[in-house]
């Protein structure tokens, strides 16, 4: 039987950590201090969360709410 890759969602950070990072960001705490306050999260992950918050207003944004049609309109 051939190997079939599993289609899974990428792992997500626990909700309480994400909520804490969001509240720190919207509480106008600097990114450097947010990284220091959350040593359990990798530094690059915190920076990607901050990037998503700046661009989309959420750590895990929903980029396409409606299914995209195939082909031309």
PDB file of N, CA and C in Angstrom:
ATOM      1  N   UNK A   1       0.849  -1.168   0.000  1.00  0.00           N
ATOM      2  CA  UNK A   1       0.000   0.000   0.000  1.00  0.00           C
ATOM      3  C   UNK A   1       0.904   1.245   0.000  1.00  0.00           C
ATOM      4  N   UNK A   2       0.681   2.181  -0.910  1.00  0.00           N
ATOM      5  CA  UNK A   2       1.540   3.370  -0.970  1.00  0.00           C
ATOM      6  C   UNK A   2       1.300   4.291   0.226  1.00  0.00           C
ATOM      7  N   UNK A   3       2.329   5.059   0.537  1.00  0.00           N
ATOM      8  CA  UNK A   3       2.230   6.010   1.637  1.00  0.00           C
ATOM      9  C   UNK A   3       1.409   7.214   1.194  1.00  0.00           C
ATOM     10  N   UNK A   4       0.393   7.555   1.953  1.00  0.00           N
ATOM     11  CA  UNK A   4      -0.432   8.729   1.688  1.00  0.00           C
ATOM     12  C   UNK A   4      -0.176   9.762   2.781  1.00  0.00           C
ATOM     13  N   UNK A   5       0.191  10.973   2.397  1.00  0.00           N
ATOM     14  CA  UNK A   5       0.440  11.979   3.439  1.00  0.00           C
ATOM     15  C   UNK A   5      -0.860  12.380   4.128  1.00  0.00           C
ATOM     16  N   UNK A   6      -0.765  12.629   5.397  1.00  0.00           N
ATOM     17  CA  UNK A   6      -1.938  13.060   6.167  1.00  0.00           C
ATOM     18  C   UNK A   6      -2.125  14.555   5.975  1.00  0.00           C
ATOM     19  N   UNK A   7      -3.337  14.952   5.773  1.00  0.00           N
ATOM     20  CA  UNK A   7      -3.657  16.369   5.644  1.00  0.00           C
ATOM     21  C   UNK A   7      -4.153  16.854   6.998  1.00  0.00           C
ATOM     22  N   UNK A   8      -3.283  17.533   7.704  1.00  0.00           N
ATOM     23  CA  UNK A   8      -3.633  18.006   9.032  1.00  0.00           C
ATOM     24  C   UNK A   8      -3.396  19.502   9.108  1.00  0.00           C
ATOM     25  N   UNK A   9      -4.028  20.106  10.075  1.00  0.00           N
ATOM     26  CA  UNK A   9      -3.806  21.522  10.345  1.00  0.00           C
ATOM     27  C   UNK A   9      -2.460  21.673  11.037  1.00  0.00           C
ATOM     28  N   UNK A  10      -1.765  22.766  10.786  1.00  0.00           N
ATOM     29  CA  UNK A  10      -0.525  22.977  11.530  1.00  0.00           C
ATOM     30  C   UNK A  10      -0.830  23.168  13.009  1.00  0.00           C
ATOM     31  N   UNK A  11       0.095  22.786  13.867  1.00  0.00           N
ATOM     32  CA  UNK A  11      -0.183  22.927  15.300  1.00  0.00           C
ATOM     33  C   UNK A  11      -0.349  24.388  15.691  1.00  0.00           C
ATOM     34  N   UNK A  12      -1.205  24.626  16.643  1.00  0.00           N
ATOM     35  CA  UNK A  12      -1.471  25.979  17.110  1.00  0.00           C
ATOM     36  C   UNK A  12      -1.052  26.095  18.568  1.00  0.00           C
ATOM     37  N   UNK A  13      -0.718  27.301  18.941  1.00  0.00           N
ATOM     38  CA  UNK A  13      -0.366  27.568  20.329  1.00  0.00           C
ATOM     39  C   UNK A  13      -1.618  27.468  21.190  1.00  0.00           C
ATOM     40  N   UNK A  14      -1.456  27.121  22.467  1.00  0.00           N
ATOM     41  CA  UNK A  14      -2.632  27.061  23.350  1.00  0.00           C
ATOM     42  C   UNK A  14      -3.361  28.400  23.409  1.00  0.00           C
ATOM     43  N   UNK A  15      -4.662  28.327  23.562  1.00  0.00           N
ATOM     44  CA  UNK A  15      -5.509  29.522  23.483  1.00  0.00           C
ATOM     45  C   UNK A  15      -5.170  30.548  24.555  1.00  0.00           C
ATOM     46  N   UNK A  16      -4.805  30.106  25.764  1.00  0.00           N
ATOM     47  CA  UNK A  16      -4.507  31.072  26.822  1.00  0.00           C
ATOM     48  C   UNK A  16      -3.231  31.851  26.525  1.00  0.00           C
ATOM     49  N   UNK A  17      -2.272  31.233  25.838  1.00  0.00           N
ATOM     50  CA  UNK A  17      -1.041  31.945  25.473  1.00  0.00           C
ATOM     51  C   UNK A  17      -1.329  32.949  24.364  1.00  0.00           C
ATOM     52  N   UNK A  18      -2.112  32.539  23.382  1.00  0.00           N
ATOM     53  CA  UNK A  18      -2.475  33.439  22.282  1.00  0.00           C
ATOM     54  C   UNK A  18      -3.249  34.635  22.823  1.00  0.00           C
ATOM     55  N   UNK A  19      -4.192  34.391  23.728  1.00  0.00           N
ATOM     56  CA  UNK A  19      -4.972  35.485  24.306  1.00  0.00           C
ATOM     57  C   UNK A  19      -4.085  36.435  25.102  1.00  0.00           C
ATOM     58  N   UNK A  20      -3.105  35.881  25.798  1.00  0.00           N
ATOM     59  CA  UNK A  20      -2.194  36.724  26.569  1.00  0.00           C
ATOM     60  C   UNK A  20      -1.329  37.584  25.655  1.00  0.00           C
ATOM     61  N   UNK A  21      -0.844  37.009  24.565  1.00  0.00           N
ATOM     62  CA  UNK A  21      -0.026  37.773  23.617  1.00  0.00           C
ATOM     63  C   UNK A  21      -0.871  38.863  22.955  1.00  0.00           C
ATOM     64  N   UNK A  22      -2.113  38.530  22.584  1.00  0.00           N
ATOM     65  CA  UNK A  22      -3.003  39.538  21.987  1.00  0.00           C
ATOM     66  C   UNK A  22      -3.277  40.676  22.964  1.00  0.00           C
ATOM     67  N   UNK A  23      -3.539  40.351  24.224  1.00  0.00           N
ATOM     68  CA  UNK A  23      -3.828  41.412  25.191  1.00  0.00           C
ATOM     69  C   UNK A  23      -2.592  42.263  25.455  1.00  0.00           C
ATOM     70  N   UNK A  24      -1.407  41.646  25.448  1.00  0.00           N
ATOM     71  CA  UNK A  24      -0.174  42.428  25.596  1.00  0.00           C
ATOM     72  C   UNK A  24       0.014  43.364  24.410  1.00  0.00           C
ATOM     73  N   UNK A  25      -0.242  42.854  23.204  1.00  0.00           N
ATOM     74  CA  UNK A  25      -0.061  43.669  22.002  1.00  0.00           C
ATOM     75  C   UNK A  25      -1.037  44.846  21.993  1.00  0.00           C
ATOM     76  N   UNK A  26      -2.308  44.577  22.263  1.00  0.00           N
ATOM     77  CA  UNK A  26      -3.298  45.643  22.255  1.00  0.00           C
ATOM     78  C   UNK A  26      -3.193  46.526  23.496  1.00  0.00           C
ATOM     79  N   UNK A  27      -2.457  46.059  24.516  1.00  0.00           N
ATOM     80  CA  UNK A  27      -2.168  46.874  25.687  1.00  0.00           C
ATOM     81  C   UNK A  27      -0.940  47.743  25.487  1.00  0.00           C
ATOM     82  N   UNK A  28      -0.446  47.795  24.249  1.00  0.00           N
ATOM     83  CA  UNK A  28       0.668  48.639  23.834  1.00  0.00           C
ATOM     84  C   UNK A  28       1.985  48.291  24.534  1.00  0.00           C
ATOM     85  N   UNK A  29       2.204  46.996  24.795  1.00  0.00           N
ATOM     86  CA  UNK A  29       3.484  46.531  25.322  1.00  0.00           C
ATOM     87  C   UNK A  29       4.386  46.265  24.125  1.00  0.00           C
ATOM     88  N   UNK A  30       5.658  46.636  24.230  1.00  0.00           N
ATOM     89  CA  UNK A  30       6.573  46.478  23.097  1.00  0.00           C
ATOM     90  C   UNK A  30       6.793  44.993  22.788  1.00  0.00           C
ATOM     91  N   UNK A  31       7.133  44.734  21.537  1.00  0.00           N
ATOM     92  CA  UNK A  31       7.339  43.355  21.087  1.00  0.00           C
ATOM     93  C   UNK A  31       8.455  42.688  21.877  1.00  0.00           C
ATOM     94  N   UNK A  32       9.507  43.423  22.152  1.00  0.00           N
ATOM     95  CA  UNK A  32      10.627  42.877  22.924  1.00  0.00           C
ATOM     96  C   UNK A  32      10.161  42.395  24.299  1.00  0.00           C
ATOM     97  N   UNK A  33       9.318  43.177  24.955  1.00  0.00           N
ATOM     98  CA  UNK A  33       8.815  42.788  26.281  1.00  0.00           C
ATOM     99  C   UNK A  33       7.822  41.635  26.197  1.00  0.00           C
ATOM    100  N   UNK A  34       7.086  41.538  25.092  1.00  0.00           N
ATOM    101  CA  UNK A  34       6.176  40.400  24.915  1.00  0.00           C
ATOM    102  C   UNK A  34       6.984  39.113  24.788  1.00  0.00           C
ATOM    103  N   UNK A  35       8.099  39.171  24.062  1.00  0.00           N
ATOM    104  CA  UNK A  35       8.968  37.990  23.923  1.00  0.00           C
ATOM    105  C   UNK A  35       9.514  37.589  25.293  1.00  0.00           C
ATOM    106  N   UNK A  36       9.908  38.553  26.090  1.00  0.00           N
ATOM    107  CA  UNK A  36      10.457  38.271  27.419  1.00  0.00           C
ATOM    108  C   UNK A  36       9.387  37.692  28.339  1.00  0.00           C
ATOM    109  N   UNK A  37       8.153  38.188  28.233  1.00  0.00           N
ATOM    110  CA  UNK A  37       7.071  37.722  29.105  1.00  0.00           C
ATOM    111  C   UNK A  37       6.597  36.311  28.773  1.00  0.00           C
ATOM    112  N   UNK A  38       6.906  35.814  27.571  1.00  0.00           N
ATOM    113  CA  UNK A  38       6.439  34.486  27.146  1.00  0.00           C
ATOM    114  C   UNK A  38       7.621  33.615  26.724  1.00  0.00           C
ATOM    115  N   UNK A  39       8.411  33.132  27.700  1.00  0.00           N
ATOM    116  CA  UNK A  39       9.560  32.291  27.346  1.00  0.00           C
ATOM    117  C   UNK A  39       9.159  30.903  26.853  1.00  0.00           C
ATOM    118  N   UNK A  40       7.904  30.491  27.084  1.00  0.00           N
ATOM    119  CA  UNK A  40       7.447  29.171  26.653  1.00  0.00           C
ATOM    120  C   UNK A  40       7.150  29.120  25.153  1.00  0.00           C
ATOM    121  N   UNK A  41       7.124  30.282  24.499  1.00  0.00           N
ATOM    122  CA  UNK A  41       6.855  30.364  23.065  1.00  0.00           C
ATOM    123  C   UNK A  41       8.143  30.796  22.367  1.00  0.00           C
ATOM    124  N   UNK A  42       8.437  30.173  21.242  1.00  0.00           N
ATOM    125  CA  UNK A  42       9.642  30.530  20.495  1.00  0.00           C
ATOM    126  C   UNK A  42       9.582  31.984  20.046  1.00  0.00           C
ATOM    127  N   UNK A  43      10.744  32.607  20.016  1.00  0.00           N
ATOM    128  CA  UNK A  43      10.827  34.024  19.666  1.00  0.00           C
ATOM    129  C   UNK A  43      10.280  34.278  18.265  1.00  0.00           C
ATOM    130  N   UNK A  44      10.602  33.409  17.312  1.00  0.00           N
ATOM    131  CA  UNK A  44      10.115  33.607  15.944  1.00  0.00           C
ATOM    132  C   UNK A  44       8.597  33.460  15.872  1.00  0.00           C
ATOM    133  N   UNK A  45       8.013  32.619  16.725  1.00  0.00           N
ATOM    134  CA  UNK A  45       6.564  32.461  16.756  1.00  0.00           C
ATOM    135  C   UNK A  45       5.895  33.729  17.266  1.00  0.00           C
ATOM    136  N   UNK A  46       6.462  34.323  18.306  1.00  0.00           N
ATOM    137  CA  UNK A  46       5.896  35.567  18.835  1.00  0.00           C
ATOM    138  C   UNK A  46       5.960  36.658  17.781  1.00  0.00           C
ATOM    139  N   UNK A  47       7.077  36.749  17.062  1.00  0.00           N
ATOM    140  CA  UNK A  47       7.190  37.769  16.017  1.00  0.00           C
ATOM    141  C   UNK A  47       6.201  37.521  14.880  1.00  0.00           C
ATOM    142  N   UNK A  48       5.938  36.250  14.539  1.00  0.00           N
ATOM    143  CA  UNK A  48       4.938  35.995  13.492  1.00  0.00           C
ATOM    144  C   UNK A  48       3.529  36.322  13.989  1.00  0.00           C
ATOM    145  N   UNK A  49       3.259  36.080  15.296  1.00  0.00           N
ATOM    146  CA  UNK A  49       1.973  36.478  15.865  1.00  0.00           C
ATOM    147  C   UNK A  49       1.802  37.986  15.785  1.00  0.00           C
ATOM    148  N   UNK A  50       2.845  38.737  16.147  1.00  0.00           N
ATOM    149  CA  UNK A  50       2.781  40.200  16.119  1.00  0.00           C
ATOM    150  C   UNK A  50       2.575  40.687  14.691  1.00  0.00           C
ATOM    151  N   UNK A  51       3.250  40.057  13.737  1.00  0.00           N
ATOM    152  CA  UNK A  51       3.081  40.419  12.323  1.00  0.00           C
ATOM    153  C   UNK A  51       1.629  40.212  11.894  1.00  0.00           C
ATOM    154  N   UNK A  52       1.029  39.077  12.259  1.00  0.00           N
ATOM    155  CA  UNK A  52      -0.369  38.818  11.918  1.00  0.00           C
ATOM    156  C   UNK A  52      -1.300  39.810  12.603  1.00  0.00           C
ATOM    157  N   UNK A  53      -1.000  40.167  13.843  1.00  0.00           N
ATOM    158  CA  UNK A  53      -1.827  41.145  14.540  1.00  0.00           C
ATOM    159  C   UNK A  53      -1.767  42.505  13.864  1.00  0.00           C
ATOM    160  N   UNK A  54      -0.578  42.913  13.400  1.00  0.00           N
ATOM    161  CA  UNK A  54      -0.444  44.201  12.719  1.00  0.00           C
ATOM    162  C   UNK A  54      -1.182  44.211  11.386  1.00  0.00           C
ATOM    163  N   UNK A  55      -1.063  43.117  10.629  1.00  0.00           N
ATOM    164  CA  UNK A  55      -1.646  43.079   9.285  1.00  0.00           C
ATOM    165  C   UNK A  55      -3.134  42.758   9.289  1.00  0.00           C
ATOM    166  N   UNK A  56      -3.555  41.824  10.153  1.00  0.00           N
ATOM    167  CA  UNK A  56      -4.926  41.314  10.072  1.00  0.00           C
ATOM    168  C   UNK A  56      -5.766  41.566  11.319  1.00  0.00           C
ATOM    169  N   UNK A  57      -5.134  41.935  12.431  1.00  0.00           N
ATOM    170  CA  UNK A  57      -5.880  42.164  13.656  1.00  0.00           C
ATOM    171  C   UNK A  57      -6.181  40.909  14.443  1.00  0.00           C
ATOM    172  N   UNK A  58      -5.600  39.778  14.044  1.00  0.00           N
ATOM    173  CA  UNK A  58      -5.786  38.516  14.754  1.00  0.00           C
ATOM    174  C   UNK A  58      -4.546  37.658  14.574  1.00  0.00           C
ATOM    175  N   UNK A  59      -4.277  36.799  15.566  1.00  0.00           N
ATOM    176  CA  UNK A  59      -3.112  35.915  15.478  1.00  0.00           C
ATOM    177  C   UNK A  59      -3.310  34.886  14.385  1.00  0.00           C
ATOM    178  N   UNK A  60      -4.484  34.276  14.342  1.00  0.00           N
ATOM    179  CA  UNK A  60      -4.825  33.297  13.317  1.00  0.00           C
ATOM    180  C   UNK A  60      -5.952  33.863  12.460  1.00  0.00           C
ATOM    181  N   UNK A  61      -5.634  34.694  11.464  1.00  0.00           N
ATOM    182  CA  UNK A  61      -6.692  35.321  10.671  1.00  0.00           C
ATOM    183  C   UNK A  61      -7.364  34.325   9.731  1.00  0.00           C
ATOM    184  N   UNK A  62      -8.629  34.585   9.447  1.00  0.00           N
ATOM    185  CA  UNK A  62      -9.352  33.829   8.432  1.00  0.00           C
ATOM    186  C   UNK A  62      -9.215  34.635   7.152  1.00  0.00           C
ATOM    187  N   UNK A  63      -8.415  34.137   6.228  1.00  0.00           N
ATOM    188  CA  UNK A  63      -8.098  34.912   5.034  1.00  0.00           C
ATOM    189  C   UNK A  63      -9.208  34.877   3.995  1.00  0.00           C
ATOM    190  N   UNK A  64      -9.897  33.743   3.873  1.00  0.00           N
ATOM    191  CA  UNK A  64     -10.977  33.618   2.898  1.00  0.00           C
ATOM    192  C   UNK A  64     -12.196  33.066   3.618  1.00  0.00           C
ATOM    193  N   UNK A  65     -13.154  33.928   3.912  1.00  0.00           N
ATOM    194  CA  UNK A  65     -14.348  33.497   4.623  1.00  0.00           C
ATOM    195  C   UNK A  65     -15.279  32.701   3.720  1.00  0.00           C
ATOM    196  N   UNK A  66     -15.304  33.039   2.435  1.00  0.00           N
ATOM    197  CA  UNK A  66     -16.171  32.339   1.494  1.00  0.00           C
ATOM    198  C   UNK A  66     -15.320  31.446   0.608  1.00  0.00           C
ATOM    199  N   UNK A  67     -15.844  30.302   0.188  1.00  0.00           N
ATOM    200  CA  UNK A  67     -15.069  29.453  -0.699  1.00  0.00           C
ATOM    201  C   UNK A  67     -14.828  30.156  -2.036  1.00  0.00           C
ATOM    202  N   UNK A  68     -13.636  30.015  -2.538  1.00  0.00           N
ATOM    203  CA  UNK A  68     -13.292  30.676  -3.787  1.00  0.00           C
ATOM    204  C   UNK A  68     -13.763  29.841  -4.977  1.00  0.00           C
ATOM    205  N   UNK A  69     -14.436  30.465  -5.967  1.00  0.00           N
ATOM    206  CA  UNK A  69     -14.916  29.709  -7.133  1.00  0.00           C
ATOM    207  C   UNK A  69     -13.723  29.314  -8.021  1.00  0.00           C
ATOM    208  N   UNK A  70     -13.928  28.245  -8.756  1.00  0.00           N
ATOM    209  CA  UNK A  70     -12.908  27.783  -9.688  1.00  0.00           C
ATOM    210  C   UNK A  70     -13.099  28.451 -11.049  1.00  0.00           C
ATOM    211  N   UNK A  71     -12.015  28.763 -11.704  1.00  0.00           N
ATOM    212  CA  UNK A  71     -12.102  29.329 -13.049  1.00  0.00           C
ATOM    213  C   UNK A  71     -12.409  30.808 -13.058  1.00  0.00           C
ATOM    214  N   UNK A  72     -12.720  31.292 -14.212  1.00  0.00           N
ATOM    215  CA  UNK A  72     -13.027  32.714 -14.385  1.00  0.00           C
ATOM    216  C   UNK A  72     -14.458  33.005 -14.019  1.00  0.00           C
ATOM    217  N   UNK A  73     -14.711  34.259 -13.743  1.00  0.00           N
ATOM    218  CA  UNK A  73     -16.074  34.673 -13.439  1.00  0.00           C
ATOM    219  C   UNK A  73     -16.864  34.896 -14.693  1.00  0.00           C
TER     220      UNK A  73
END
